[in-house]
Amino acid sequence: MSNFESYASEWDQIKSSAQLKLADARSQVGEQKKATLRRITMELEEADEIIDQMEGEAKGKARQMIIVRSAKKEVQGLRGEVESTLSDRDALLSSSAAPAHSVYTIDVDESDTYTHTAAQRTRLLNSTSLLKTTEGRLTNAQRLAAESEDIGGNVLETLRGQGAQLANARDELEDTDGSISRATGTLKKMIRQMYKTRVMIWSFIVVLVILIGLILWNKFR
């Protein structure tokens, strides 16, 4: 359950409790009605705090903001019913026989104080749990960041090693290219020399044939 859902559940419980108390207050008179209305008022104040928490969780979430706005309207409606119930004929009659107290009077009995304290304790526990959860997520994020940094360092070292290997391979390729160039030059020189030798041989053969021809011509003349 998310924090918003937890707060929404608390609000539903407070709303149901306030509605039941309002129904009871309509059948009550005098100080009993005022005490009930004071309890409802305290619950609505607690509801305001919870709705503020809901609004903080719902920022940027349209569907949840609709729920928050609806809750605010319901709180206003319940406050209006409290005021309406307080101004009923029974409350007016009881005010003439007993000291007047406002519905917002802070005088509460022990059960009200206990309920309010328990609600505050619950919210404190929820906040502590949220803080621990956030701290855990932050720790995990830091751990993941450290692991990612280590992985990145290893990858960088690997890339550096591969870069050095590529550089060595390039140097070897350049040396090989130079050797091939030299071998090609030597081969070309050998081919030229072969052609020269062939020309010299054919020239010698031609001269030799001419000499033989001259000798034979002189002999049979």
N, C-alpha and C. Protein backbone atom coordinates (compact mmCIF):
# COMPACT_ATOMS: atom_id res chain seq x y z
N MET A 1 0.85 -1.20 0.00
CA MET A 1 0.00 0.00 0.00
C MET A 1 0.88 1.24 0.00
N SER A 2 0.58 2.18 -0.88
CA SER A 2 1.35 3.41 -0.96
C SER A 2 0.98 4.34 0.19
N ASN A 3 1.79 5.37 0.40
CA ASN A 3 1.52 6.35 1.46
C ASN A 3 0.19 7.05 1.21
N PHE A 4 -0.09 7.38 -0.05
CA PHE A 4 -1.35 8.05 -0.36
C PHE A 4 -2.53 7.16 0.02
N GLU A 5 -2.46 5.89 -0.32
CA GLU A 5 -3.55 4.98 0.01
C GLU A 5 -3.71 4.84 1.51
N SER A 6 -2.58 4.83 2.26
CA SER A 6 -2.65 4.74 3.72
C SER A 6 -3.35 5.97 4.31
N TYR A 7 -2.97 7.15 3.81
CA TYR A 7 -3.62 8.37 4.29
C TYR A 7 -5.10 8.39 3.91
N ALA A 8 -5.40 7.92 2.69
CA ALA A 8 -6.80 7.90 2.25
C ALA A 8 -7.63 6.97 3.12
N SER A 9 -7.03 5.86 3.55
CA SER A 9 -7.75 4.93 4.43
C SER A 9 -8.02 5.58 5.79
N GLU A 10 -7.02 6.31 6.31
CA GLU A 10 -7.23 7.02 7.58
C GLU A 10 -8.35 8.05 7.43
N TRP A 11 -8.37 8.75 6.30
CA TRP A 11 -9.42 9.75 6.08
C TRP A 11 -10.79 9.10 6.03
N ASP A 12 -10.90 7.96 5.38
CA ASP A 12 -12.19 7.27 5.31
C ASP A 12 -12.67 6.87 6.71
N GLN A 13 -11.74 6.42 7.55
CA GLN A 13 -12.12 6.03 8.91
C GLN A 13 -12.60 7.24 9.71
N ILE A 14 -11.86 8.36 9.57
CA ILE A 14 -12.27 9.57 10.29
C ILE A 14 -13.62 10.07 9.79
N LYS A 15 -13.83 10.03 8.46
CA LYS A 15 -15.09 10.47 7.89
C LYS A 15 -16.25 9.63 8.41
N SER A 16 -16.07 8.31 8.43
CA SER A 16 -17.13 7.43 8.92
C SER A 16 -17.42 7.69 10.39
N SER A 17 -16.36 7.88 11.19
CA SER A 17 -16.54 8.15 12.61
C SER A 17 -17.28 9.47 12.83
N ALA A 18 -16.88 10.51 12.04
CA ALA A 18 -17.53 11.82 12.19
C ALA A 18 -19.00 11.75 11.79
N GLN A 19 -19.30 11.00 10.73
CA GLN A 19 -20.69 10.89 10.29
C GLN A 19 -21.54 10.17 11.33
N LEU A 20 -20.98 9.13 11.96
CA LEU A 20 -21.72 8.42 13.01
C LEU A 20 -21.95 9.32 14.21
N LYS A 21 -20.93 10.09 14.58
CA LYS A 21 -21.07 10.99 15.72
C LYS A 21 -22.08 12.09 15.42
N LEU A 22 -22.11 12.56 14.16
CA LEU A 22 -23.10 13.56 13.80
C LEU A 22 -24.52 13.01 13.94
N ALA A 23 -24.69 11.76 13.52
CA ALA A 23 -26.01 11.14 13.65
C ALA A 23 -26.41 11.03 15.12
N ASP A 24 -25.42 10.70 15.98
CA ASP A 24 -25.71 10.63 17.42
C ASP A 24 -26.03 12.01 17.98
N ALA A 25 -25.28 13.03 17.52
CA ALA A 25 -25.45 14.38 18.06
C ALA A 25 -26.84 14.94 17.76
N ARG A 26 -27.41 14.56 16.65
CA ARG A 26 -28.73 15.07 16.29
C ARG A 26 -29.82 14.59 17.26
N SER A 27 -29.55 13.48 17.92
CA SER A 27 -30.53 12.96 18.89
C SER A 27 -30.17 13.31 20.32
N GLN A 28 -29.08 14.07 20.50
CA GLN A 28 -28.64 14.45 21.84
C GLN A 28 -28.99 15.90 22.13
N VAL A 29 -28.87 16.26 23.41
CA VAL A 29 -29.15 17.64 23.82
C VAL A 29 -28.11 18.08 24.82
N GLY A 30 -28.03 19.38 25.00
CA GLY A 30 -27.20 19.95 26.05
C GLY A 30 -25.72 19.64 25.91
N GLU A 31 -25.08 19.40 27.07
CA GLU A 31 -23.63 19.19 27.11
C GLU A 31 -23.22 17.92 26.39
N GLN A 32 -24.08 16.93 26.41
CA GLN A 32 -23.76 15.69 25.69
C GLN A 32 -23.57 15.96 24.20
N LYS A 33 -24.47 16.78 23.61
CA LYS A 33 -24.34 17.13 22.20
C LYS A 33 -23.06 17.93 21.95
N LYS A 34 -22.77 18.89 22.87
CA LYS A 34 -21.58 19.71 22.68
C LYS A 34 -20.30 18.87 22.74
N ALA A 35 -20.27 17.91 23.69
CA ALA A 35 -19.10 17.04 23.79
C ALA A 35 -18.91 16.23 22.51
N THR A 36 -20.02 15.72 21.98
CA THR A 36 -19.94 14.96 20.73
C THR A 36 -19.44 15.83 19.58
N LEU A 37 -19.95 17.06 19.51
CA LEU A 37 -19.53 17.96 18.45
C LEU A 37 -18.07 18.36 18.59
N ARG A 38 -17.60 18.48 19.84
CA ARG A 38 -16.18 18.79 20.04
C ARG A 38 -15.31 17.65 19.53
N ARG A 39 -15.74 16.41 19.79
CA ARG A 39 -14.98 15.26 19.28
C ARG A 39 -14.94 15.27 17.74
N ILE A 40 -16.09 15.59 17.14
CA ILE A 40 -16.14 15.65 15.67
C ILE A 40 -15.19 16.74 15.15
N THR A 41 -15.19 17.88 15.83
CA THR A 41 -14.32 18.98 15.41
C THR A 41 -12.85 18.57 15.47
N MET A 42 -12.47 17.88 16.56
CA MET A 42 -11.08 17.41 16.65
C MET A 42 -10.75 16.43 15.54
N GLU A 43 -11.70 15.55 15.22
CA GLU A 43 -11.47 14.59 14.14
C GLU A 43 -11.32 15.31 12.80
N LEU A 44 -12.09 16.36 12.60
CA LEU A 44 -11.98 17.12 11.34
C LEU A 44 -10.65 17.86 11.26
N GLU A 45 -10.15 18.34 12.41
CA GLU A 45 -8.83 18.97 12.41
C GLU A 45 -7.75 17.94 12.06
N GLU A 46 -7.92 16.73 12.62
CA GLU A 46 -6.99 15.65 12.27
C GLU A 46 -7.11 15.31 10.79
N ALA A 47 -8.35 15.35 10.27
CA ALA A 47 -8.57 15.08 8.85
C ALA A 47 -7.86 16.11 7.98
N ASP A 48 -7.86 17.39 8.43
CA ASP A 48 -7.15 18.43 7.67
C ASP A 48 -5.67 18.07 7.51
N GLU A 49 -5.06 17.59 8.63
CA GLU A 49 -3.64 17.23 8.56
C GLU A 49 -3.42 16.05 7.61
N ILE A 50 -4.30 15.07 7.70
CA ILE A 50 -4.15 13.90 6.83
C ILE A 50 -4.33 14.28 5.36
N ILE A 51 -5.31 15.15 5.09
CA ILE A 51 -5.54 15.58 3.70
C ILE A 51 -4.35 16.37 3.18
N ASP A 52 -3.71 17.16 4.07
CA ASP A 52 -2.49 17.86 3.65
C ASP A 52 -1.40 16.85 3.24
N GLN A 53 -1.30 15.76 4.02
CA GLN A 53 -0.33 14.72 3.66
C GLN A 53 -0.70 14.08 2.33
N MET A 54 -2.00 13.84 2.14
CA MET A 54 -2.47 13.27 0.88
C MET A 54 -2.12 14.19 -0.29
N GLU A 55 -2.32 15.49 -0.08
CA GLU A 55 -2.04 16.46 -1.15
C GLU A 55 -0.56 16.47 -1.51
N GLY A 56 0.30 16.34 -0.44
CA GLY A 56 1.73 16.29 -0.71
C GLY A 56 2.13 15.06 -1.53
N GLU A 57 1.47 13.92 -1.25
CA GLU A 57 1.78 12.70 -1.99
C GLU A 57 1.19 12.73 -3.41
N ALA A 58 0.11 13.52 -3.59
CA ALA A 58 -0.63 13.50 -4.86
C ALA A 58 -0.13 14.51 -5.88
N LYS A 59 0.89 15.28 -5.56
CA LYS A 59 1.37 16.31 -6.48
C LYS A 59 1.81 15.68 -7.80
N GLY A 60 1.29 16.24 -8.88
CA GLY A 60 1.61 15.74 -10.21
C GLY A 60 0.81 14.53 -10.64
N LYS A 61 -0.17 14.12 -9.81
CA LYS A 61 -1.00 12.95 -10.13
C LYS A 61 -2.46 13.39 -10.16
N ALA A 62 -3.01 13.54 -11.35
CA ALA A 62 -4.34 14.14 -11.53
C ALA A 62 -5.43 13.34 -10.81
N ARG A 63 -5.41 12.02 -10.92
CA ARG A 63 -6.47 11.20 -10.32
C ARG A 63 -6.47 11.34 -8.79
N GLN A 64 -5.29 11.35 -8.20
CA GLN A 64 -5.21 11.48 -6.74
C GLN A 64 -5.59 12.89 -6.29
N MET A 65 -5.27 13.90 -7.10
CA MET A 65 -5.65 15.26 -6.74
C MET A 65 -7.17 15.41 -6.74
N ILE A 66 -7.87 14.68 -7.61
CA ILE A 66 -9.33 14.71 -7.60
C ILE A 66 -9.85 14.18 -6.26
N ILE A 67 -9.24 13.10 -5.76
CA ILE A 67 -9.64 12.54 -4.47
C ILE A 67 -9.39 13.54 -3.35
N VAL A 68 -8.24 14.25 -3.43
CA VAL A 68 -7.91 15.24 -2.39
C VAL A 68 -8.94 16.36 -2.37
N ARG A 69 -9.27 16.89 -3.56
CA ARG A 69 -10.25 17.97 -3.63
C ARG A 69 -11.62 17.51 -3.11
N SER A 70 -11.99 16.28 -3.43
CA SER A 70 -13.26 15.74 -2.94
C SER A 70 -13.25 15.62 -1.43
N ALA A 71 -12.10 15.20 -0.86
CA ALA A 71 -11.99 15.07 0.59
C ALA A 71 -12.12 16.44 1.27
N LYS A 72 -11.49 17.46 0.67
CA LYS A 72 -11.59 18.81 1.24
C LYS A 72 -13.05 19.28 1.26
N LYS A 73 -13.76 19.03 0.18
CA LYS A 73 -15.17 19.43 0.12
C LYS A 73 -15.98 18.69 1.17
N GLU A 74 -15.68 17.40 1.38
CA GLU A 74 -16.42 16.62 2.37
C GLU A 74 -16.15 17.14 3.78
N VAL A 75 -14.90 17.55 4.04
CA VAL A 75 -14.58 18.12 5.35
C VAL A 75 -15.36 19.42 5.57
N GLN A 76 -15.39 20.26 4.55
CA GLN A 76 -16.17 21.50 4.66
C GLN A 76 -17.65 21.20 4.90
N GLY A 77 -18.16 20.18 4.20
CA GLY A 77 -19.55 19.82 4.40
C GLY A 77 -19.83 19.33 5.81
N LEU A 78 -18.91 18.52 6.35
CA LEU A 78 -19.08 18.04 7.72
C LEU A 78 -19.00 19.18 8.72
N ARG A 79 -18.12 20.15 8.48
CA ARG A 79 -18.04 21.30 9.37
C ARG A 79 -19.36 22.09 9.32
N GLY A 80 -19.91 22.20 8.10
CA GLY A 80 -21.20 22.89 7.99
C GLY A 80 -22.29 22.16 8.76
N GLU A 81 -22.27 20.83 8.73
CA GLU A 81 -23.26 20.07 9.48
C GLU A 81 -23.05 20.22 10.98
N VAL A 82 -21.79 20.30 11.41
CA VAL A 82 -21.51 20.53 12.83
C VAL A 82 -22.09 21.87 13.28
N GLU A 83 -21.82 22.92 12.48
CA GLU A 83 -22.36 24.24 12.82
C GLU A 83 -23.88 24.22 12.82
N SER A 84 -24.46 23.53 11.85
CA SER A 84 -25.92 23.46 11.77
C SER A 84 -26.50 22.72 12.96
N THR A 85 -25.83 21.63 13.34
CA THR A 85 -26.32 20.85 14.49
C THR A 85 -26.16 21.63 15.78
N LEU A 86 -25.07 22.39 15.89
CA LEU A 86 -24.85 23.19 17.09
C LEU A 86 -25.90 24.27 17.24
N SER A 87 -26.39 24.80 16.14
CA SER A 87 -27.37 25.89 16.20
C SER A 87 -28.81 25.38 16.25
N ASP A 88 -28.99 24.06 16.43
CA ASP A 88 -30.33 23.50 16.55
C ASP A 88 -31.03 24.01 17.81
N ARG A 89 -32.31 23.77 17.85
CA ARG A 89 -33.13 24.28 18.96
C ARG A 89 -32.67 23.70 20.29
N ASP A 90 -32.26 22.41 20.29
CA ASP A 90 -31.84 21.80 21.55
C ASP A 90 -30.59 22.47 22.09
N ALA A 91 -29.61 22.81 21.17
CA ALA A 91 -28.40 23.47 21.62
C ALA A 91 -28.70 24.85 22.15
N LEU A 92 -29.65 25.57 21.51
CA LEU A 92 -30.00 26.90 21.99
C LEU A 92 -30.68 26.83 23.36
N LEU A 93 -31.53 25.83 23.58
CA LEU A 93 -32.19 25.68 24.87
C LEU A 93 -31.19 25.31 25.96
N SER A 94 -30.23 24.46 25.63
CA SER A 94 -29.26 24.05 26.64
C SER A 94 -28.30 25.17 26.99
N SER A 95 -28.10 26.09 26.08
CA SER A 95 -27.16 27.18 26.33
C SER A 95 -27.68 28.13 27.39
N SER A 96 -29.01 28.19 27.57
CA SER A 96 -29.57 29.08 28.59
C SER A 96 -29.42 28.49 29.98
N ALA A 97 -29.22 27.18 30.10
CA ALA A 97 -29.12 26.53 31.39
C ALA A 97 -27.71 26.16 31.77
N ALA A 98 -26.77 26.29 30.88
CA ALA A 98 -25.39 25.90 31.17
C ALA A 98 -24.45 26.90 30.53
N PRO A 99 -23.20 26.99 31.06
CA PRO A 99 -22.22 27.92 30.49
C PRO A 99 -21.97 27.57 29.04
N ALA A 100 -21.87 28.64 28.21
CA ALA A 100 -21.67 28.45 26.76
C ALA A 100 -20.28 27.96 26.49
N HIS A 101 -20.21 27.03 25.56
CA HIS A 101 -18.91 26.54 25.07
C HIS A 101 -18.95 26.53 23.56
N SER A 102 -17.90 26.98 22.95
CA SER A 102 -17.81 26.93 21.50
C SER A 102 -17.46 25.52 21.06
N VAL A 103 -17.92 25.20 19.87
CA VAL A 103 -17.58 23.90 19.32
C VAL A 103 -16.07 23.75 19.13
N TYR A 104 -15.38 24.86 19.10
CA TYR A 104 -13.94 24.82 18.90
C TYR A 104 -13.18 24.91 20.21
N THR A 105 -13.89 24.78 21.36
CA THR A 105 -13.25 24.81 22.66
C THR A 105 -12.26 23.66 22.77
N ILE A 106 -11.14 23.88 23.38
CA ILE A 106 -10.09 22.89 23.44
C ILE A 106 -10.30 21.94 24.61
N ASP A 107 -11.34 22.18 25.46
CA ASP A 107 -11.61 21.29 26.59
C ASP A 107 -12.04 19.94 26.06
N VAL A 108 -11.28 18.92 26.38
CA VAL A 108 -11.59 17.58 25.92
C VAL A 108 -11.41 16.62 27.07
N ASP A 109 -12.13 15.51 27.03
CA ASP A 109 -11.97 14.51 28.08
C ASP A 109 -10.80 13.60 27.74
N GLU A 110 -10.56 12.64 28.62
CA GLU A 110 -9.37 11.80 28.47
C GLU A 110 -9.46 10.94 27.22
N SER A 111 -10.67 10.48 26.87
CA SER A 111 -10.80 9.64 25.68
C SER A 111 -10.45 10.42 24.43
N ASP A 112 -10.85 11.72 24.37
CA ASP A 112 -10.50 12.55 23.21
C ASP A 112 -8.99 12.71 23.11
N THR A 113 -8.36 12.99 24.28
CA THR A 113 -6.91 13.17 24.29
C THR A 113 -6.19 11.91 23.84
N TYR A 114 -6.69 10.76 24.33
CA TYR A 114 -6.09 9.49 23.96
C TYR A 114 -6.22 9.24 22.46
N THR A 115 -7.41 9.52 21.93
CA THR A 115 -7.64 9.30 20.49
C THR A 115 -6.73 10.19 19.65
N HIS A 116 -6.62 11.48 20.05
CA HIS A 116 -5.77 12.41 19.31
C HIS A 116 -4.31 11.99 19.39
N THR A 117 -3.87 11.56 20.60
CA THR A 117 -2.48 11.13 20.77
C THR A 117 -2.20 9.88 19.95
N ALA A 118 -3.15 8.95 19.94
CA ALA A 118 -2.97 7.72 19.16
C ALA A 118 -2.86 8.05 17.67
N ALA A 119 -3.68 8.99 17.21
CA ALA A 119 -3.62 9.37 15.80
C ALA A 119 -2.27 10.00 15.47
N GLN A 120 -1.80 10.88 16.39
CA GLN A 120 -0.49 11.48 16.17
C GLN A 120 0.61 10.43 16.16
N ARG A 121 0.51 9.44 17.06
CA ARG A 121 1.49 8.37 17.10
C ARG A 121 1.48 7.58 15.80
N THR A 122 0.28 7.32 15.28
CA THR A 122 0.16 6.58 14.03
C THR A 122 0.82 7.34 12.89
N ARG A 123 0.55 8.66 12.83
CA ARG A 123 1.16 9.46 11.76
C ARG A 123 2.68 9.51 11.92
N LEU A 124 3.14 9.57 13.20
CA LEU A 124 4.59 9.59 13.43
C LEU A 124 5.22 8.28 12.99
N LEU A 125 4.54 7.16 13.29
CA LEU A 125 5.06 5.86 12.86
C LEU A 125 5.09 5.76 11.33
N ASN A 126 4.02 6.28 10.70
CA ASN A 126 3.99 6.27 9.24
C ASN A 126 5.12 7.10 8.66
N SER A 127 5.35 8.27 9.28
CA SER A 127 6.43 9.14 8.80
C SER A 127 7.79 8.48 9.00
N THR A 128 7.94 7.82 10.18
CA THR A 128 9.21 7.12 10.44
C THR A 128 9.44 5.99 9.45
N SER A 129 8.34 5.25 9.19
CA SER A 129 8.44 4.16 8.21
C SER A 129 8.79 4.69 6.83
N LEU A 130 8.17 5.82 6.45
CA LEU A 130 8.47 6.42 5.15
C LEU A 130 9.92 6.87 5.09
N LEU A 131 10.41 7.44 6.22
CA LEU A 131 11.79 7.91 6.27
C LEU A 131 12.76 6.74 6.13
N LYS A 132 12.44 5.63 6.83
CA LYS A 132 13.30 4.45 6.73
C LYS A 132 13.29 3.89 5.31
N THR A 133 12.09 3.86 4.72
CA THR A 133 11.98 3.36 3.35
C THR A 133 12.80 4.23 2.39
N THR A 134 12.67 5.56 2.57
CA THR A 134 13.43 6.48 1.72
C THR A 134 14.93 6.32 1.93
N GLU A 135 15.32 6.14 3.21
CA GLU A 135 16.74 5.95 3.52
C GLU A 135 17.26 4.66 2.88
N GLY A 136 16.42 3.60 2.95
CA GLY A 136 16.81 2.35 2.32
C GLY A 136 16.97 2.49 0.82
N ARG A 137 16.02 3.22 0.20
CA ARG A 137 16.11 3.43 -1.25
C ARG A 137 17.34 4.24 -1.61
N LEU A 138 17.65 5.24 -0.75
CA LEU A 138 18.84 6.07 -1.00
C LEU A 138 20.10 5.23 -0.87
N THR A 139 20.13 4.34 0.15
CA THR A 139 21.29 3.46 0.32
C THR A 139 21.45 2.54 -0.89
N ASN A 140 20.32 1.98 -1.35
CA ASN A 140 20.37 1.11 -2.53
C ASN A 140 20.85 1.89 -3.75
N ALA A 141 20.35 3.14 -3.87
CA ALA A 141 20.77 3.96 -5.01
C ALA A 141 22.27 4.24 -4.96
N GLN A 142 22.79 4.53 -3.73
CA GLN A 142 24.22 4.77 -3.58
C GLN A 142 25.02 3.51 -3.91
N ARG A 143 24.50 2.35 -3.46
CA ARG A 143 25.18 1.09 -3.75
C ARG A 143 25.21 0.83 -5.26
N LEU A 144 24.06 1.05 -5.90
CA LEU A 144 24.00 0.84 -7.35
C LEU A 144 24.93 1.80 -8.08
N ALA A 145 24.98 3.05 -7.56
CA ALA A 145 25.87 4.03 -8.19
C ALA A 145 27.32 3.60 -8.07
N ALA A 146 27.69 3.06 -6.85
CA ALA A 146 29.06 2.60 -6.66
C ALA A 146 29.37 1.41 -7.57
N GLU A 147 28.39 0.47 -7.66
CA GLU A 147 28.59 -0.68 -8.54
C GLU A 147 28.71 -0.23 -10.00
N SER A 148 27.86 0.72 -10.39
CA SER A 148 27.93 1.23 -11.76
C SER A 148 29.27 1.90 -12.03
N GLU A 149 29.77 2.62 -10.99
CA GLU A 149 31.07 3.28 -11.15
C GLU A 149 32.18 2.25 -11.32
N ASP A 150 32.11 1.15 -10.52
CA ASP A 150 33.12 0.09 -10.66
C ASP A 150 33.04 -0.55 -12.04
N ILE A 151 31.81 -0.84 -12.47
CA ILE A 151 31.63 -1.45 -13.79
C ILE A 151 32.15 -0.51 -14.88
N GLY A 152 31.82 0.78 -14.73
CA GLY A 152 32.30 1.76 -15.71
C GLY A 152 33.82 1.83 -15.73
N GLY A 153 34.46 1.75 -14.52
CA GLY A 153 35.92 1.76 -14.46
C GLY A 153 36.52 0.55 -15.16
N ASN A 154 35.88 -0.63 -14.90
CA ASN A 154 36.38 -1.85 -15.55
C ASN A 154 36.23 -1.77 -17.06
N VAL A 155 35.08 -1.27 -17.50
CA VAL A 155 34.85 -1.12 -18.94
C VAL A 155 35.87 -0.16 -19.55
N LEU A 156 36.15 0.93 -18.82
CA LEU A 156 37.13 1.91 -19.31
C LEU A 156 38.51 1.29 -19.43
N GLU A 157 38.89 0.49 -18.40
CA GLU A 157 40.20 -0.17 -18.47
C GLU A 157 40.25 -1.14 -19.65
N THR A 158 39.12 -1.88 -19.84
CA THR A 158 39.06 -2.81 -20.96
C THR A 158 39.21 -2.08 -22.29
N LEU A 159 38.51 -0.94 -22.41
CA LEU A 159 38.59 -0.16 -23.64
C LEU A 159 40.00 0.38 -23.86
N ARG A 160 40.64 0.79 -22.76
CA ARG A 160 42.01 1.26 -22.89
C ARG A 160 42.92 0.15 -23.39
N GLY A 161 42.74 -1.07 -22.79
CA GLY A 161 43.54 -2.21 -23.24
C GLY A 161 43.31 -2.53 -24.70
N GLN A 162 42.03 -2.52 -25.11
CA GLN A 162 41.71 -2.77 -26.51
C GLN A 162 42.27 -1.68 -27.41
N GLY A 163 42.25 -0.43 -26.90
CA GLY A 163 42.82 0.66 -27.68
C GLY A 163 44.33 0.46 -27.90
N ALA A 164 45.01 -0.01 -26.82
CA ALA A 164 46.45 -0.27 -26.96
C ALA A 164 46.70 -1.40 -27.94
N GLN A 165 45.83 -2.46 -27.87
CA GLN A 165 45.98 -3.56 -28.82
C GLN A 165 45.77 -3.09 -30.26
N LEU A 166 44.77 -2.25 -30.46
CA LEU A 166 44.52 -1.71 -31.80
C LEU A 166 45.69 -0.87 -32.29
N ALA A 167 46.27 -0.09 -31.35
CA ALA A 167 47.42 0.73 -31.74
C ALA A 167 48.60 -0.16 -32.16
N ASN A 168 48.83 -1.23 -31.37
CA ASN A 168 49.91 -2.16 -31.73
C ASN A 168 49.63 -2.83 -33.07
N ALA A 169 48.36 -3.23 -33.26
CA ALA A 169 48.00 -3.87 -34.53
C ALA A 169 48.20 -2.91 -35.69
N ARG A 170 47.87 -1.63 -35.45
CA ARG A 170 48.07 -0.64 -36.52
C ARG A 170 49.54 -0.48 -36.84
N ASP A 171 50.40 -0.45 -35.79
CA ASP A 171 51.84 -0.33 -36.01
C ASP A 171 52.37 -1.53 -36.79
N GLU A 172 51.89 -2.73 -36.38
CA GLU A 172 52.33 -3.93 -37.10
C GLU A 172 51.86 -3.91 -38.55
N LEU A 173 50.64 -3.40 -38.75
CA LEU A 173 50.12 -3.31 -40.11
C LEU A 173 50.95 -2.34 -40.95
N GLU A 174 51.34 -1.24 -40.33
CA GLU A 174 52.17 -0.28 -41.04
C GLU A 174 53.52 -0.89 -41.39
N ASP A 175 54.10 -1.66 -40.43
CA ASP A 175 55.38 -2.32 -40.71
C ASP A 175 55.23 -3.33 -41.86
N THR A 176 54.12 -4.09 -41.80
CA THR A 176 53.87 -5.07 -42.86
C THR A 176 53.70 -4.39 -44.21
N ASP A 177 52.97 -3.26 -44.18
CA ASP A 177 52.76 -2.51 -45.42
C ASP A 177 54.09 -2.03 -45.98
N GLY A 178 54.97 -1.56 -45.06
CA GLY A 178 56.30 -1.13 -45.51
C GLY A 178 57.10 -2.26 -46.11
N SER A 179 56.99 -3.46 -45.46
CA SER A 179 57.72 -4.62 -45.98
C SER A 179 57.19 -5.02 -47.35
N ILE A 180 55.88 -4.97 -47.50
CA ILE A 180 55.28 -5.31 -48.80
C ILE A 180 55.72 -4.32 -49.87
N SER A 181 55.78 -3.04 -49.48
CA SER A 181 56.22 -2.02 -50.45
C SER A 181 57.65 -2.27 -50.89
N ARG A 182 58.51 -2.60 -49.90
CA ARG A 182 59.91 -2.88 -50.26
C ARG A 182 60.02 -4.13 -51.13
N ALA A 183 59.26 -5.15 -50.78
CA ALA A 183 59.30 -6.38 -51.58
C ALA A 183 58.80 -6.12 -53.01
N THR A 184 57.77 -5.29 -53.12
CA THR A 184 57.24 -4.93 -54.45
C THR A 184 58.29 -4.20 -55.27
N GLY A 185 59.01 -3.26 -54.63
CA GLY A 185 60.08 -2.54 -55.34
C GLY A 185 61.18 -3.47 -55.82
N THR A 186 61.56 -4.41 -54.93
CA THR A 186 62.61 -5.37 -55.29
C THR A 186 62.16 -6.24 -56.46
N LEU A 187 60.91 -6.69 -56.41
CA LEU A 187 60.37 -7.53 -57.48
C LEU A 187 60.35 -6.78 -58.81
N LYS A 188 59.97 -5.52 -58.76
CA LYS A 188 59.96 -4.71 -59.99
C LYS A 188 61.36 -4.58 -60.57
N LYS A 189 62.35 -4.38 -59.66
CA LYS A 189 63.74 -4.28 -60.14
C LYS A 189 64.19 -5.58 -60.80
N MET A 190 63.79 -6.72 -60.17
CA MET A 190 64.17 -8.03 -60.74
C MET A 190 63.53 -8.22 -62.11
N ILE A 191 62.28 -7.79 -62.27
CA ILE A 191 61.60 -7.93 -63.57
C ILE A 191 62.28 -7.07 -64.63
N ARG A 192 62.65 -5.83 -64.25
CA ARG A 192 63.35 -4.96 -65.20
C ARG A 192 64.69 -5.55 -65.61
N GLN A 193 65.37 -6.12 -64.58
CA GLN A 193 66.67 -6.74 -64.88
C GLN A 193 66.50 -7.94 -65.80
N MET A 194 65.41 -8.69 -65.62
CA MET A 194 65.15 -9.85 -66.47
C MET A 194 64.91 -9.40 -67.91
N TYR A 195 64.14 -8.33 -68.07
CA TYR A 195 63.90 -7.82 -69.41
C TYR A 195 65.19 -7.38 -70.08
N LYS A 196 66.04 -6.69 -69.30
CA LYS A 196 67.33 -6.24 -69.86
C LYS A 196 68.17 -7.43 -70.30
N THR A 197 68.18 -8.45 -69.43
CA THR A 197 68.97 -9.64 -69.76
C THR A 197 68.44 -10.31 -71.02
N ARG A 198 67.11 -10.39 -71.15
CA ARG A 198 66.49 -10.99 -72.32
C ARG A 198 66.84 -10.21 -73.59
N VAL A 199 66.81 -8.87 -73.49
CA VAL A 199 67.16 -8.03 -74.65
C VAL A 199 68.61 -8.25 -75.05
N MET A 200 69.50 -8.34 -74.04
CA MET A 200 70.91 -8.55 -74.34
C MET A 200 71.14 -9.90 -75.03
N ILE A 201 70.42 -10.94 -74.54
CA ILE A 201 70.57 -12.27 -75.14
C ILE A 201 70.13 -12.26 -76.60
N TRP A 202 68.96 -11.66 -76.87
CA TRP A 202 68.46 -11.63 -78.24
C TRP A 202 69.38 -10.78 -79.13
N SER A 203 69.89 -9.71 -78.54
CA SER A 203 70.84 -8.88 -79.33
C SER A 203 72.09 -9.69 -79.69
N PHE A 204 72.60 -10.46 -78.71
CA PHE A 204 73.78 -11.29 -78.96
C PHE A 204 73.49 -12.34 -80.03
N ILE A 205 72.29 -12.93 -79.96
CA ILE A 205 71.92 -13.95 -80.96
C ILE A 205 71.86 -13.32 -82.35
N VAL A 206 71.26 -12.12 -82.45
CA VAL A 206 71.15 -11.46 -83.75
C VAL A 206 72.54 -11.16 -84.32
N VAL A 207 73.42 -10.61 -83.46
CA VAL A 207 74.78 -10.29 -83.93
C VAL A 207 75.51 -11.57 -84.37
N LEU A 208 75.30 -12.65 -83.59
CA LEU A 208 75.97 -13.91 -83.90
C LEU A 208 75.47 -14.45 -85.24
N VAL A 209 74.17 -14.35 -85.50
CA VAL A 209 73.61 -14.81 -86.76
C VAL A 209 74.16 -14.00 -87.93
N ILE A 210 74.26 -12.68 -87.71
CA ILE A 210 74.80 -11.81 -88.78
C ILE A 210 76.25 -12.19 -89.09
N LEU A 211 77.05 -12.44 -88.03
CA LEU A 211 78.46 -12.80 -88.24
C LEU A 211 78.58 -14.13 -88.99
N ILE A 212 77.74 -15.08 -88.59
CA ILE A 212 77.78 -16.38 -89.27
C ILE A 212 77.39 -16.22 -90.75
N GLY A 213 76.39 -15.37 -90.99
CA GLY A 213 75.96 -15.12 -92.37
C GLY A 213 77.09 -14.50 -93.19
N LEU A 214 77.81 -13.53 -92.61
CA LEU A 214 78.91 -12.88 -93.31
C LEU A 214 80.03 -13.87 -93.64
N ILE A 215 80.33 -14.70 -92.64
CA ILE A 215 81.40 -15.70 -92.83
C ILE A 215 81.03 -16.65 -93.98
N LEU A 216 79.81 -17.14 -93.96
CA LEU A 216 79.38 -18.06 -95.02
C LEU A 216 79.38 -17.35 -96.39
N TRP A 217 78.95 -16.08 -96.42
CA TRP A 217 78.90 -15.33 -97.68
C TRP A 217 80.28 -15.19 -98.25
N ASN A 218 81.29 -14.82 -97.42
CA ASN A 218 82.68 -14.68 -97.88
C ASN A 218 83.25 -16.01 -98.34
N LYS A 219 82.87 -17.09 -97.72
CA LYS A 219 83.43 -18.39 -98.04
C LYS A 219 82.94 -18.88 -99.37
N PHE A 220 81.73 -18.72 -99.71
CA PHE A 220 81.17 -19.26 -100.96
C PHE A 220 81.18 -18.22 -102.09
N ARG A 221 81.73 -17.10 -101.88
CA ARG A 221 81.72 -16.08 -102.93
C ARG A 221 82.67 -16.47 -104.04
